[in-house]
Amino acid sequence: MVKDVVLTGKFEGDLHTLGRLTVAPGGAIIGSIDAGALVLEPGNLVQARVKVGPPPKSRGKASPPDGTPATEGFWSSGLRKLKAFALGRR
């Protein structure tokens, strides 16, 4: 995937970029845009579904400090014990 795009002609379809999309004068896009940033210069045509911003961060499970694979029981059992202690249910 490219980082920055400057569109000076016509583009139809889905345009994805991690960086900045600049639609220059005379540029035209019809379709969808997914970009890190969007610059629309005067004199262009944009007919698109637009999503602008950084890509979502991965929601992978964190590994325990000792490097063993993360499991549901490692973190949640400790949190359950802490909650029970805080509520006086030892």
Protein backbone atom coordinates (compact mmCIF):
# COMPACT_ATOMS: atom_id res chain seq x y z
CA MET A 1 0.00 0.00 0.00
CA VAL A 2 1.32 3.46 -0.88
CA LYS A 3 1.88 6.19 1.68
CA ASP A 4 0.91 9.47 -0.01
CA VAL A 5 -1.19 9.93 -3.16
CA VAL A 6 -1.74 13.02 -5.32
CA LEU A 7 -4.69 12.55 -7.65
CA THR A 8 -4.65 14.80 -10.71
CA GLY A 9 -6.84 12.72 -13.05
CA LYS A 10 -9.96 10.59 -12.76
CA PHE A 11 -10.14 7.56 -10.48
CA GLU A 12 -13.10 5.19 -10.06
CA GLY A 13 -13.06 2.51 -7.37
CA ASP A 14 -11.72 2.04 -3.85
CA LEU A 15 -8.65 4.09 -2.96
CA HIS A 16 -6.70 3.12 0.19
CA THR A 17 -3.62 4.90 1.51
CA LEU A 18 -1.96 4.99 4.92
CA GLY A 19 -0.78 8.54 4.33
CA ARG A 20 -2.31 11.63 2.78
CA LEU A 21 -4.57 11.70 -0.26
CA THR A 22 -4.50 15.03 -2.09
CA VAL A 23 -7.16 15.58 -4.75
CA ALA A 24 -5.65 18.31 -6.93
CA PRO A 25 -7.52 20.75 -9.20
CA GLY A 26 -9.00 18.76 -12.06
CA GLY A 27 -8.84 15.52 -10.04
CA ALA A 28 -11.94 13.35 -9.71
CA ILE A 29 -12.67 10.33 -7.55
CA ILE A 30 -15.82 8.24 -7.63
CA GLY A 31 -16.04 5.32 -5.20
CA SER A 32 -14.59 5.12 -1.71
CA ILE A 33 -11.65 6.70 0.08
CA ASP A 34 -9.81 5.27 3.10
CA ALA A 35 -6.89 7.54 3.94
CA GLY A 36 -4.79 8.72 6.86
CA ALA A 37 -5.41 12.35 5.84
CA LEU A 38 -7.38 14.05 3.08
CA VAL A 39 -6.63 17.31 1.26
CA LEU A 40 -9.21 18.64 -1.20
CA GLU A 41 -7.86 21.43 -3.36
CA PRO A 42 -10.34 23.74 -5.16
CA GLY A 43 -11.57 22.54 -8.55
CA ASN A 44 -11.95 18.81 -7.97
CA LEU A 45 -14.83 16.33 -7.91
CA VAL A 46 -15.31 13.84 -5.06
CA GLN A 47 -18.27 11.46 -5.02
CA ALA A 48 -17.20 8.90 -2.46
CA ARG A 49 -17.70 7.21 0.86
CA VAL A 50 -14.89 8.72 2.92
CA LYS A 51 -13.02 7.37 5.96
CA VAL A 52 -10.15 9.52 7.22
CA GLY A 53 -7.88 8.70 10.14
CA PRO A 54 -5.25 6.27 11.31
CA PRO A 55 -5.89 2.56 10.84
CA PRO A 56 -7.40 0.81 13.88
CA LYS A 57 -4.87 -0.68 16.26
CA SER A 58 -4.63 -4.43 16.56
CA ARG A 59 -6.67 -5.80 19.44
CA GLY A 60 -4.55 -8.86 20.11
CA LYS A 61 -4.34 -10.24 23.62
CA ALA A 62 -1.42 -9.06 25.70
CA SER A 63 1.12 -11.66 26.71
CA PRO A 64 1.90 -12.15 30.37
CA PRO A 65 5.20 -10.65 31.57
CA ASP A 66 6.97 -14.02 31.62
CA GLY A 67 6.47 -14.41 27.85
CA THR A 68 4.08 -17.37 28.01
CA PRO A 69 1.10 -17.24 25.64
CA ALA A 70 -1.80 -15.16 26.88
CA THR A 71 -4.75 -17.17 28.08
CA GLU A 72 -8.10 -16.09 29.43
CA GLY A 73 -7.27 -17.57 32.84
CA PHE A 74 -3.96 -15.76 33.41
CA TRP A 75 -5.34 -12.22 33.61
CA SER A 76 -8.96 -12.79 34.50
CA SER A 77 -8.33 -15.10 37.48
CA GLY A 78 -6.15 -12.43 39.09
CA LEU A 79 -8.73 -9.75 38.37
CA ARG A 80 -11.51 -11.91 39.83
CA LYS A 81 -9.46 -12.38 43.01
CA LEU A 82 -8.79 -8.65 43.24
CA LYS A 83 -12.47 -7.84 42.75
CA ALA A 84 -13.51 -10.39 45.38
CA PHE A 85 -10.95 -8.97 47.81
CA ALA A 86 -12.15 -5.39 47.15
CA LEU A 87 -15.75 -6.44 47.77
CA GLY A 88 -14.81 -8.27 50.96
CA ARG A 89 -15.62 -11.74 49.56
CA ARG A 90 -12.22 -13.35 50.09
